Amino acid sequence: MKRLLVFTLFLLLLILSASPAWTASPSANSMEDLMDSSGYRESIESMMGKHIMVAKTQLMLCDPPLSDDAIDFAVKEMKKEMATIMQTIINSQMNYLAAHMTQSDVNELIGIYHSPIWKKQAAIMKQYQKDKYSELARRLPEQIKEIGARIAFRLKDQGFVHKEAKEQ
């Protein structure tokens, strides 16, 4: 009797572990939905947009100066290149997650991302970025200049720099 019960439980476990709902790899559509629902795609797009803005600022400071048309052309080219890089990053993330998650896991996560509390938290974080991040980012060039000056002083103080740098 005991053997029959153990055998039955073992057989049931085998059947359940082979169930597609538990072990199926996530579909490409569900992975795309996960990237969108989680905000991952939007986050990567935002990061790439910031890189493009930094590059545009650097192009505007070129000596000799570039024409507006040249800068616009360069920005368009950067956007195309960044779109390719962004899709590569997203595909890599989706492939990695798909190798470590089941369709059931992905469905559960998508459900969380569609929940009212997650949507509320995401909205609050977006508002924070609008309200505070730009304020912090405006101060960044000045902070970078100050950091550079402190590091230059430390380099000189530590004996790495032996003569004054030329003023530019």
N, C-alpha and C. Protein backbone atom coordinates (compact mmCIF):
# COMPACT_ATOMS: atom_id res chain seq x y z
N MET A 1 0.83 -1.19 0.00
CA MET A 1 0.00 0.00 0.00
C MET A 1 0.88 1.25 0.00
N LYS A 2 1.92 1.24 0.82
CA LYS A 2 2.82 2.38 0.91
C LYS A 2 3.53 2.61 -0.42
N ARG A 3 3.95 1.50 -1.05
CA ARG A 3 4.64 1.60 -2.34
C ARG A 3 3.71 2.17 -3.40
N LEU A 4 2.47 1.76 -3.39
CA LEU A 4 1.50 2.26 -4.36
C LEU A 4 1.30 3.76 -4.19
N LEU A 5 1.23 4.24 -2.95
CA LEU A 5 1.06 5.66 -2.68
C LEU A 5 2.28 6.45 -3.14
N VAL A 6 3.48 5.95 -2.85
CA VAL A 6 4.72 6.62 -3.26
C VAL A 6 4.81 6.64 -4.78
N PHE A 7 4.50 5.52 -5.42
CA PHE A 7 4.54 5.45 -6.88
C PHE A 7 3.55 6.44 -7.50
N THR A 8 2.35 6.51 -6.95
CA THR A 8 1.32 7.41 -7.45
C THR A 8 1.76 8.87 -7.30
N LEU A 9 2.33 9.23 -6.15
CA LEU A 9 2.82 10.60 -5.95
C LEU A 9 3.96 10.93 -6.91
N PHE A 10 4.85 9.97 -7.10
CA PHE A 10 5.97 10.17 -8.01
C PHE A 10 5.46 10.39 -9.44
N LEU A 11 4.50 9.60 -9.87
CA LEU A 11 3.92 9.73 -11.20
C LEU A 11 3.22 11.08 -11.35
N LEU A 12 2.51 11.50 -10.33
CA LEU A 12 1.83 12.80 -10.35
C LEU A 12 2.83 13.94 -10.46
N LEU A 13 3.93 13.86 -9.73
CA LEU A 13 4.97 14.87 -9.82
C LEU A 13 5.58 14.94 -11.21
N LEU A 14 5.81 13.79 -11.82
CA LEU A 14 6.34 13.77 -13.18
C LEU A 14 5.39 14.44 -14.17
N ILE A 15 4.13 14.13 -14.03
CA ILE A 15 3.12 14.71 -14.93
C ILE A 15 3.05 16.22 -14.74
N LEU A 16 3.04 16.68 -13.49
CA LEU A 16 2.96 18.12 -13.23
C LEU A 16 4.21 18.86 -13.68
N SER A 17 5.36 18.25 -13.49
CA SER A 17 6.60 18.93 -13.88
C SER A 17 6.72 19.02 -15.39
N ALA A 18 6.06 18.16 -16.11
CA ALA A 18 6.10 18.19 -17.58
C ALA A 18 5.00 19.07 -18.16
N SER A 19 4.17 19.62 -17.31
CA SER A 19 3.06 20.45 -17.77
C SER A 19 3.59 21.71 -18.48
N PRO A 20 3.11 21.98 -19.70
CA PRO A 20 3.59 23.15 -20.44
C PRO A 20 3.38 24.46 -19.70
N ALA A 21 2.34 24.58 -18.94
CA ALA A 21 2.09 25.82 -18.21
C ALA A 21 3.19 26.11 -17.19
N TRP A 22 3.83 25.08 -16.71
CA TRP A 22 4.88 25.25 -15.70
C TRP A 22 6.26 25.39 -16.32
N THR A 23 6.48 24.77 -17.47
CA THR A 23 7.83 24.71 -18.01
C THR A 23 8.01 25.38 -19.36
N ALA A 24 6.95 25.83 -19.98
CA ALA A 24 7.05 26.41 -21.32
C ALA A 24 7.89 27.68 -21.29
N SER A 25 8.71 27.82 -22.31
CA SER A 25 9.49 29.06 -22.45
C SER A 25 8.54 30.19 -22.80
N PRO A 26 8.87 31.38 -22.36
CA PRO A 26 8.00 32.52 -22.67
C PRO A 26 7.96 32.81 -24.17
N SER A 27 6.80 33.21 -24.64
CA SER A 27 6.66 33.56 -26.05
C SER A 27 7.31 34.91 -26.32
N ALA A 28 7.65 35.15 -27.58
CA ALA A 28 8.26 36.43 -27.97
C ALA A 28 7.30 37.58 -27.67
N ASN A 29 6.01 37.37 -27.92
CA ASN A 29 5.03 38.43 -27.66
C ASN A 29 4.94 38.76 -26.17
N SER A 30 4.98 37.72 -25.33
CA SER A 30 4.88 37.99 -23.89
C SER A 30 6.15 38.68 -23.39
N MET A 31 7.30 38.36 -23.99
CA MET A 31 8.54 39.03 -23.60
C MET A 31 8.51 40.51 -24.01
N GLU A 32 7.98 40.80 -25.19
CA GLU A 32 7.81 42.19 -25.62
C GLU A 32 6.88 42.93 -24.67
N ASP A 33 5.78 42.26 -24.30
CA ASP A 33 4.83 42.85 -23.36
C ASP A 33 5.50 43.12 -22.02
N LEU A 34 6.34 42.19 -21.58
CA LEU A 34 7.06 42.36 -20.32
C LEU A 34 7.98 43.58 -20.38
N MET A 35 8.70 43.74 -21.49
CA MET A 35 9.60 44.89 -21.63
C MET A 35 8.83 46.20 -21.59
N ASP A 36 7.65 46.20 -22.22
CA ASP A 36 6.83 47.42 -22.22
C ASP A 36 6.16 47.65 -20.87
N SER A 37 5.57 46.60 -20.31
CA SER A 37 4.83 46.73 -19.05
C SER A 37 5.74 47.11 -17.88
N SER A 38 6.95 46.58 -17.89
CA SER A 38 7.87 46.84 -16.78
C SER A 38 8.48 48.24 -16.84
N GLY A 39 8.38 48.87 -18.01
CA GLY A 39 9.00 50.18 -18.17
C GLY A 39 10.45 50.08 -18.62
N TYR A 40 10.93 48.85 -18.85
CA TYR A 40 12.33 48.65 -19.24
C TYR A 40 12.63 49.33 -20.57
N ARG A 41 11.77 49.13 -21.55
CA ARG A 41 11.98 49.73 -22.87
C ARG A 41 12.01 51.26 -22.75
N GLU A 42 11.06 51.81 -22.02
CA GLU A 42 10.99 53.27 -21.84
C GLU A 42 12.25 53.79 -21.14
N SER A 43 12.74 53.02 -20.18
CA SER A 43 13.95 53.41 -19.45
C SER A 43 15.16 53.44 -20.38
N ILE A 44 15.30 52.43 -21.23
CA ILE A 44 16.41 52.37 -22.18
C ILE A 44 16.29 53.52 -23.18
N GLU A 45 15.06 53.78 -23.66
CA GLU A 45 14.86 54.90 -24.60
C GLU A 45 15.26 56.22 -23.97
N SER A 46 14.89 56.41 -22.72
CA SER A 46 15.24 57.64 -22.01
C SER A 46 16.75 57.78 -21.86
N MET A 47 17.41 56.68 -21.49
CA MET A 47 18.86 56.70 -21.34
C MET A 47 19.53 57.04 -22.67
N MET A 48 19.07 56.43 -23.75
CA MET A 48 19.65 56.69 -25.06
C MET A 48 19.40 58.15 -25.47
N GLY A 49 18.23 58.66 -25.16
CA GLY A 49 17.91 60.06 -25.47
C GLY A 49 18.85 61.02 -24.75
N LYS A 50 19.18 60.69 -23.52
CA LYS A 50 20.11 61.53 -22.75
C LYS A 50 21.51 61.49 -23.36
N HIS A 51 21.93 60.32 -23.81
CA HIS A 51 23.24 60.21 -24.47
C HIS A 51 23.27 61.06 -25.74
N ILE A 52 22.18 61.03 -26.48
CA ILE A 52 22.11 61.83 -27.71
C ILE A 52 22.18 63.32 -27.39
N MET A 53 21.49 63.74 -26.33
CA MET A 53 21.53 65.17 -25.96
C MET A 53 22.93 65.59 -25.54
N VAL A 54 23.63 64.75 -24.82
CA VAL A 54 25.02 65.06 -24.43
C VAL A 54 25.89 65.17 -25.67
N ALA A 55 25.74 64.23 -26.60
CA ALA A 55 26.52 64.26 -27.83
C ALA A 55 26.20 65.52 -28.64
N LYS A 56 24.91 65.89 -28.69
CA LYS A 56 24.52 67.09 -29.43
C LYS A 56 25.17 68.32 -28.80
N THR A 57 25.18 68.38 -27.49
CA THR A 57 25.81 69.51 -26.79
C THR A 57 27.29 69.57 -27.13
N GLN A 58 27.95 68.43 -27.17
CA GLN A 58 29.37 68.41 -27.52
C GLN A 58 29.59 68.85 -28.96
N LEU A 59 28.70 68.45 -29.86
CA LEU A 59 28.81 68.88 -31.26
C LEU A 59 28.66 70.40 -31.39
N MET A 60 27.80 70.96 -30.56
CA MET A 60 27.57 72.41 -30.62
C MET A 60 28.79 73.18 -30.11
N LEU A 61 29.66 72.53 -29.36
CA LEU A 61 30.84 73.18 -28.81
C LEU A 61 32.09 72.94 -29.65
N CYS A 62 31.93 72.29 -30.80
CA CYS A 62 33.10 71.99 -31.65
C CYS A 62 33.79 73.27 -32.09
N ASP A 63 35.10 73.15 -32.25
CA ASP A 63 35.88 74.27 -32.75
C ASP A 63 36.69 73.75 -33.92
N PRO A 64 36.45 74.15 -35.12
CA PRO A 64 35.53 75.20 -35.55
C PRO A 64 34.09 74.72 -35.43
N PRO A 65 33.18 75.68 -35.27
CA PRO A 65 31.77 75.34 -35.07
C PRO A 65 31.16 74.61 -36.27
N LEU A 66 30.26 73.71 -35.98
CA LEU A 66 29.51 73.03 -37.03
C LEU A 66 28.25 73.81 -37.35
N SER A 67 27.79 73.72 -38.58
CA SER A 67 26.54 74.40 -38.95
C SER A 67 25.37 73.66 -38.30
N ASP A 68 24.24 74.35 -38.21
CA ASP A 68 23.03 73.72 -37.66
C ASP A 68 22.65 72.49 -38.47
N ASP A 69 22.80 72.59 -39.81
CA ASP A 69 22.47 71.45 -40.68
C ASP A 69 23.37 70.26 -40.37
N ALA A 70 24.65 70.52 -40.13
CA ALA A 70 25.59 69.44 -39.81
C ALA A 70 25.22 68.80 -38.47
N ILE A 71 24.87 69.63 -37.51
CA ILE A 71 24.48 69.10 -36.19
C ILE A 71 23.21 68.27 -36.31
N ASP A 72 22.20 68.79 -37.07
CA ASP A 72 20.95 68.05 -37.26
C ASP A 72 21.21 66.71 -37.94
N PHE A 73 22.07 66.72 -38.97
CA PHE A 73 22.42 65.48 -39.66
C PHE A 73 23.06 64.49 -38.69
N ALA A 74 24.02 64.97 -37.90
CA ALA A 74 24.72 64.10 -36.94
C ALA A 74 23.75 63.53 -35.91
N VAL A 75 22.84 64.34 -35.43
CA VAL A 75 21.86 63.88 -34.44
C VAL A 75 20.95 62.81 -35.04
N LYS A 76 20.50 63.02 -36.28
CA LYS A 76 19.66 62.00 -36.94
C LYS A 76 20.41 60.69 -37.07
N GLU A 77 21.69 60.77 -37.45
CA GLU A 77 22.51 59.56 -37.58
C GLU A 77 22.69 58.88 -36.22
N MET A 78 22.91 59.68 -35.17
CA MET A 78 23.07 59.11 -33.83
C MET A 78 21.79 58.41 -33.39
N LYS A 79 20.64 59.02 -33.69
CA LYS A 79 19.37 58.41 -33.31
C LYS A 79 19.20 57.05 -33.97
N LYS A 80 19.58 56.95 -35.26
CA LYS A 80 19.48 55.66 -35.95
C LYS A 80 20.39 54.63 -35.30
N GLU A 81 21.62 55.04 -35.03
CA GLU A 81 22.58 54.12 -34.41
C GLU A 81 22.13 53.71 -33.01
N MET A 82 21.64 54.68 -32.24
CA MET A 82 21.19 54.39 -30.87
C MET A 82 19.97 53.48 -30.88
N ALA A 83 19.10 53.62 -31.87
CA ALA A 83 17.93 52.74 -31.96
C ALA A 83 18.38 51.28 -32.13
N THR A 84 19.41 51.08 -32.94
CA THR A 84 19.95 49.73 -33.14
C THR A 84 20.55 49.20 -31.85
N ILE A 85 21.33 50.05 -31.17
CA ILE A 85 21.94 49.64 -29.90
C ILE A 85 20.85 49.33 -28.88
N MET A 86 19.83 50.19 -28.81
CA MET A 86 18.74 49.99 -27.86
C MET A 86 18.04 48.66 -28.09
N GLN A 87 17.76 48.34 -29.36
CA GLN A 87 17.07 47.08 -29.65
C GLN A 87 17.96 45.89 -29.30
N THR A 88 19.26 46.03 -29.50
CA THR A 88 20.20 44.96 -29.12
C THR A 88 20.17 44.73 -27.61
N ILE A 89 20.16 45.81 -26.85
CA ILE A 89 20.11 45.71 -25.39
C ILE A 89 18.80 45.04 -24.95
N ILE A 90 17.70 45.46 -25.54
CA ILE A 90 16.39 44.90 -25.17
C ILE A 90 16.31 43.42 -25.56
N ASN A 91 16.79 43.07 -26.76
CA ASN A 91 16.78 41.67 -27.17
C ASN A 91 17.63 40.81 -26.24
N SER A 92 18.77 41.33 -25.84
CA SER A 92 19.63 40.60 -24.92
C SER A 92 18.92 40.36 -23.59
N GLN A 93 18.25 41.39 -23.09
CA GLN A 93 17.51 41.26 -21.83
C GLN A 93 16.38 40.24 -21.96
N MET A 94 15.65 40.31 -23.08
CA MET A 94 14.55 39.37 -23.27
C MET A 94 15.07 37.93 -23.36
N ASN A 95 16.15 37.72 -24.11
CA ASN A 95 16.71 36.37 -24.24
C ASN A 95 17.19 35.84 -22.89
N TYR A 96 17.83 36.69 -22.12
CA TYR A 96 18.33 36.28 -20.81
C TYR A 96 17.17 35.89 -19.90
N LEU A 97 16.14 36.74 -19.85
CA LEU A 97 14.98 36.44 -19.01
C LEU A 97 14.28 35.17 -19.48
N ALA A 98 14.12 35.03 -20.80
CA ALA A 98 13.43 33.86 -21.34
C ALA A 98 14.16 32.56 -20.99
N ALA A 99 15.48 32.63 -20.89
CA ALA A 99 16.25 31.44 -20.54
C ALA A 99 16.12 31.07 -19.07
N HIS A 100 15.68 32.02 -18.25
CA HIS A 100 15.61 31.78 -16.81
C HIS A 100 14.19 31.81 -16.25
N MET A 101 13.20 32.03 -17.11
CA MET A 101 11.82 32.13 -16.65
C MET A 101 10.91 31.27 -17.52
N THR A 102 9.78 30.93 -16.94
CA THR A 102 8.75 30.21 -17.70
C THR A 102 7.69 31.20 -18.16
N GLN A 103 6.80 30.73 -19.02
CA GLN A 103 5.69 31.57 -19.47
C GLN A 103 4.84 31.98 -18.27
N SER A 104 4.67 31.07 -17.34
CA SER A 104 3.89 31.35 -16.14
C SER A 104 4.54 32.49 -15.33
N ASP A 105 5.87 32.45 -15.21
CA ASP A 105 6.58 33.52 -14.49
C ASP A 105 6.35 34.88 -15.17
N VAL A 106 6.48 34.88 -16.48
CA VAL A 106 6.32 36.13 -17.24
C VAL A 106 4.89 36.65 -17.11
N ASN A 107 3.92 35.75 -17.21
CA ASN A 107 2.52 36.16 -17.06
C ASN A 107 2.28 36.79 -15.68
N GLU A 108 2.88 36.18 -14.66
CA GLU A 108 2.73 36.70 -13.29
C GLU A 108 3.33 38.11 -13.18
N LEU A 109 4.53 38.29 -13.75
CA LEU A 109 5.16 39.60 -13.71
C LEU A 109 4.34 40.65 -14.46
N ILE A 110 3.86 40.28 -15.63
CA ILE A 110 3.04 41.21 -16.41
C ILE A 110 1.82 41.61 -15.60
N GLY A 111 1.23 40.64 -14.90
CA GLY A 111 0.09 40.95 -14.04
C GLY A 111 0.44 41.97 -12.96
N ILE A 112 1.62 41.83 -12.38
CA ILE A 112 2.07 42.79 -11.36
C ILE A 112 2.22 44.17 -11.98
N TYR A 113 2.85 44.23 -13.16
CA TYR A 113 3.08 45.53 -13.80
C TYR A 113 1.79 46.21 -14.23
N HIS A 114 0.75 45.42 -14.44
CA HIS A 114 -0.55 45.99 -14.81
C HIS A 114 -1.43 46.30 -13.59
N SER A 115 -0.92 45.98 -12.39
CA SER A 115 -1.73 46.21 -11.18
C SER A 115 -1.80 47.70 -10.86
N PRO A 116 -2.87 48.13 -10.21
CA PRO A 116 -3.03 49.55 -9.87
C PRO A 116 -1.88 50.11 -9.03
N ILE A 117 -1.36 49.35 -8.07
CA ILE A 117 -0.31 49.88 -7.21
C ILE A 117 1.00 50.06 -7.99
N TRP A 118 1.28 49.15 -8.91
CA TRP A 118 2.49 49.32 -9.73
C TRP A 118 2.36 50.55 -10.63
N LYS A 119 1.18 50.70 -11.22
CA LYS A 119 0.96 51.86 -12.10
C LYS A 119 1.08 53.16 -11.31
N LYS A 120 0.59 53.17 -10.07
CA LYS A 120 0.70 54.36 -9.23
C LYS A 120 2.17 54.66 -8.93
N GLN A 121 2.92 53.62 -8.55
CA GLN A 121 4.34 53.81 -8.24
C GLN A 121 5.09 54.30 -9.48
N ALA A 122 4.79 53.75 -10.64
CA ALA A 122 5.47 54.16 -11.88
C ALA A 122 5.15 55.62 -12.20
N ALA A 123 3.91 56.02 -12.00
CA ALA A 123 3.52 57.41 -12.26
C ALA A 123 4.25 58.37 -11.32
N ILE A 124 4.37 57.98 -10.06
CA ILE A 124 5.07 58.82 -9.08
C ILE A 124 6.54 58.95 -9.47
N MET A 125 7.17 57.86 -9.90
CA MET A 125 8.58 57.91 -10.29
C MET A 125 8.78 58.77 -11.53
N LYS A 126 7.86 58.70 -12.48
CA LYS A 126 7.96 59.56 -13.67
C LYS A 126 7.85 61.02 -13.28
N GLN A 127 6.94 61.31 -12.37
CA GLN A 127 6.77 62.70 -11.93
C GLN A 127 8.02 63.18 -11.19
N TYR A 128 8.61 62.30 -10.39
CA TYR A 128 9.86 62.64 -9.71
C TYR A 128 10.93 63.00 -10.73
N GLN A 129 11.04 62.19 -11.76
CA GLN A 129 12.05 62.47 -12.78
C GLN A 129 11.80 63.82 -13.43
N LYS A 130 10.55 64.15 -13.69
CA LYS A 130 10.24 65.45 -14.29
C LYS A 130 10.54 66.59 -13.33
N ASP A 131 10.15 66.40 -12.06
CA ASP A 131 10.30 67.47 -11.07
C ASP A 131 11.72 67.64 -10.57
N LYS A 132 12.41 66.56 -10.30
CA LYS A 132 13.70 66.63 -9.61
C LYS A 132 14.90 66.31 -10.49
N TYR A 133 14.74 65.34 -11.39
CA TYR A 133 15.90 64.90 -12.16
C TYR A 133 16.47 66.03 -13.01
N SER A 134 15.60 66.78 -13.66
CA SER A 134 16.09 67.86 -14.52
C SER A 134 16.81 68.92 -13.68
N GLU A 135 16.32 69.14 -12.46
CA GLU A 135 16.98 70.08 -11.55
C GLU A 135 18.38 69.59 -11.20
N LEU A 136 18.50 68.31 -10.91
CA LEU A 136 19.80 67.73 -10.60
C LEU A 136 20.70 67.73 -11.84
N ALA A 137 20.13 67.43 -13.00
CA ALA A 137 20.91 67.38 -14.24
C ALA A 137 21.43 68.76 -14.64
N ARG A 138 20.67 69.81 -14.34
CA ARG A 138 21.13 71.18 -14.67
C ARG A 138 22.40 71.52 -13.91
N ARG A 139 22.53 71.01 -12.72
CA ARG A 139 23.71 71.29 -11.89
C ARG A 139 24.91 70.44 -12.27
N LEU A 140 24.68 69.39 -13.04
CA LEU A 140 25.73 68.43 -13.35
C LEU A 140 26.95 69.03 -14.05
N PRO A 141 26.80 69.85 -15.10
CA PRO A 141 28.00 70.39 -15.74
C PRO A 141 28.90 71.18 -14.77
N GLU A 142 28.28 71.97 -13.90
CA GLU A 142 29.05 72.72 -12.91
C GLU A 142 29.74 71.77 -11.93
N GLN A 143 29.02 70.74 -11.51
CA GLN A 143 29.60 69.77 -10.58
C GLN A 143 30.76 69.01 -11.24
N ILE A 144 30.61 68.66 -12.51
CA ILE A 144 31.68 67.95 -13.21
C ILE A 144 32.92 68.85 -13.30
N LYS A 145 32.72 70.13 -13.58
CA LYS A 145 33.84 71.07 -13.64
C LYS A 145 34.55 71.16 -12.29
N GLU A 146 33.77 71.23 -11.22
CA GLU A 146 34.34 71.29 -9.87
C GLU A 146 35.10 70.00 -9.53
N ILE A 147 34.51 68.88 -9.91
CA ILE A 147 35.17 67.58 -9.66
C ILE A 147 36.49 67.53 -10.43
N GLY A 148 36.46 67.96 -11.68
CA GLY A 148 37.67 67.99 -12.50
C GLY A 148 38.77 68.83 -11.87
N ALA A 149 38.38 70.00 -11.33
CA ALA A 149 39.36 70.89 -10.69
C ALA A 149 39.95 70.22 -9.44
N ARG A 150 39.08 69.56 -8.65
CA ARG A 150 39.57 68.87 -7.44
C ARG A 150 40.51 67.72 -7.80
N ILE A 151 40.16 66.98 -8.83
CA ILE A 151 41.01 65.86 -9.24
C ILE A 151 42.33 66.38 -9.79
N ALA A 152 42.28 67.46 -10.57
CA ALA A 152 43.52 68.05 -11.10
C ALA A 152 44.42 68.48 -9.96
N PHE A 153 43.84 69.08 -8.93
CA PHE A 153 44.63 69.48 -7.76
C PHE A 153 45.25 68.26 -7.08
N ARG A 154 44.44 67.21 -6.92
CA ARG A 154 44.95 65.99 -6.27
C ARG A 154 46.06 65.33 -7.09
N LEU A 155 45.88 65.33 -8.42
CA LEU A 155 46.93 64.77 -9.29
C LEU A 155 48.24 65.53 -9.10
N LYS A 156 48.14 66.85 -9.04
CA LYS A 156 49.34 67.67 -8.84
C LYS A 156 49.90 67.42 -7.43
N ASP A 157 49.02 67.39 -6.44
CA ASP A 157 49.44 67.18 -5.06
C ASP A 157 50.12 65.82 -4.86
N GLN A 158 49.68 64.81 -5.60
CA GLN A 158 50.25 63.47 -5.49
C GLN A 158 51.49 63.28 -6.37
N GLY A 159 51.85 64.32 -7.12
CA GLY A 159 53.05 64.26 -7.94
C GLY A 159 52.86 63.66 -9.32
N PHE A 160 51.62 63.46 -9.74
CA PHE A 160 51.38 62.93 -11.07
C PHE A 160 51.54 64.00 -12.15
N VAL A 161 51.31 65.25 -11.79
CA VAL A 161 51.43 66.37 -12.73
C VAL A 161 52.54 67.26 -12.21
N HIS A 162 53.53 67.53 -13.06
CA HIS A 162 54.70 68.27 -12.62
C HIS A 162 54.75 69.69 -13.15
N LYS A 163 53.89 70.03 -14.09
CA LYS A 163 53.89 71.41 -14.58
C LYS A 163 52.44 71.86 -14.74
N GLU A 164 52.27 73.14 -14.80
CA GLU A 164 50.93 73.71 -14.93
C GLU A 164 50.35 73.35 -16.30
N ALA A 165 49.09 73.03 -16.33
CA ALA A 165 48.42 72.76 -17.58
C ALA A 165 48.19 74.07 -18.31
N LYS A 166 48.25 74.04 -19.63
CA LYS A 166 48.01 75.26 -20.41
C LYS A 166 46.53 75.64 -20.31
N GLU A 167 46.28 76.91 -20.24
CA GLU A 167 44.90 77.40 -20.23
C GLU A 167 44.34 77.28 -21.64
N GLN A 168 43.11 76.86 -21.75
CA GLN A 168 42.50 76.73 -23.07
C GLN A 168 41.44 77.76 -23.27
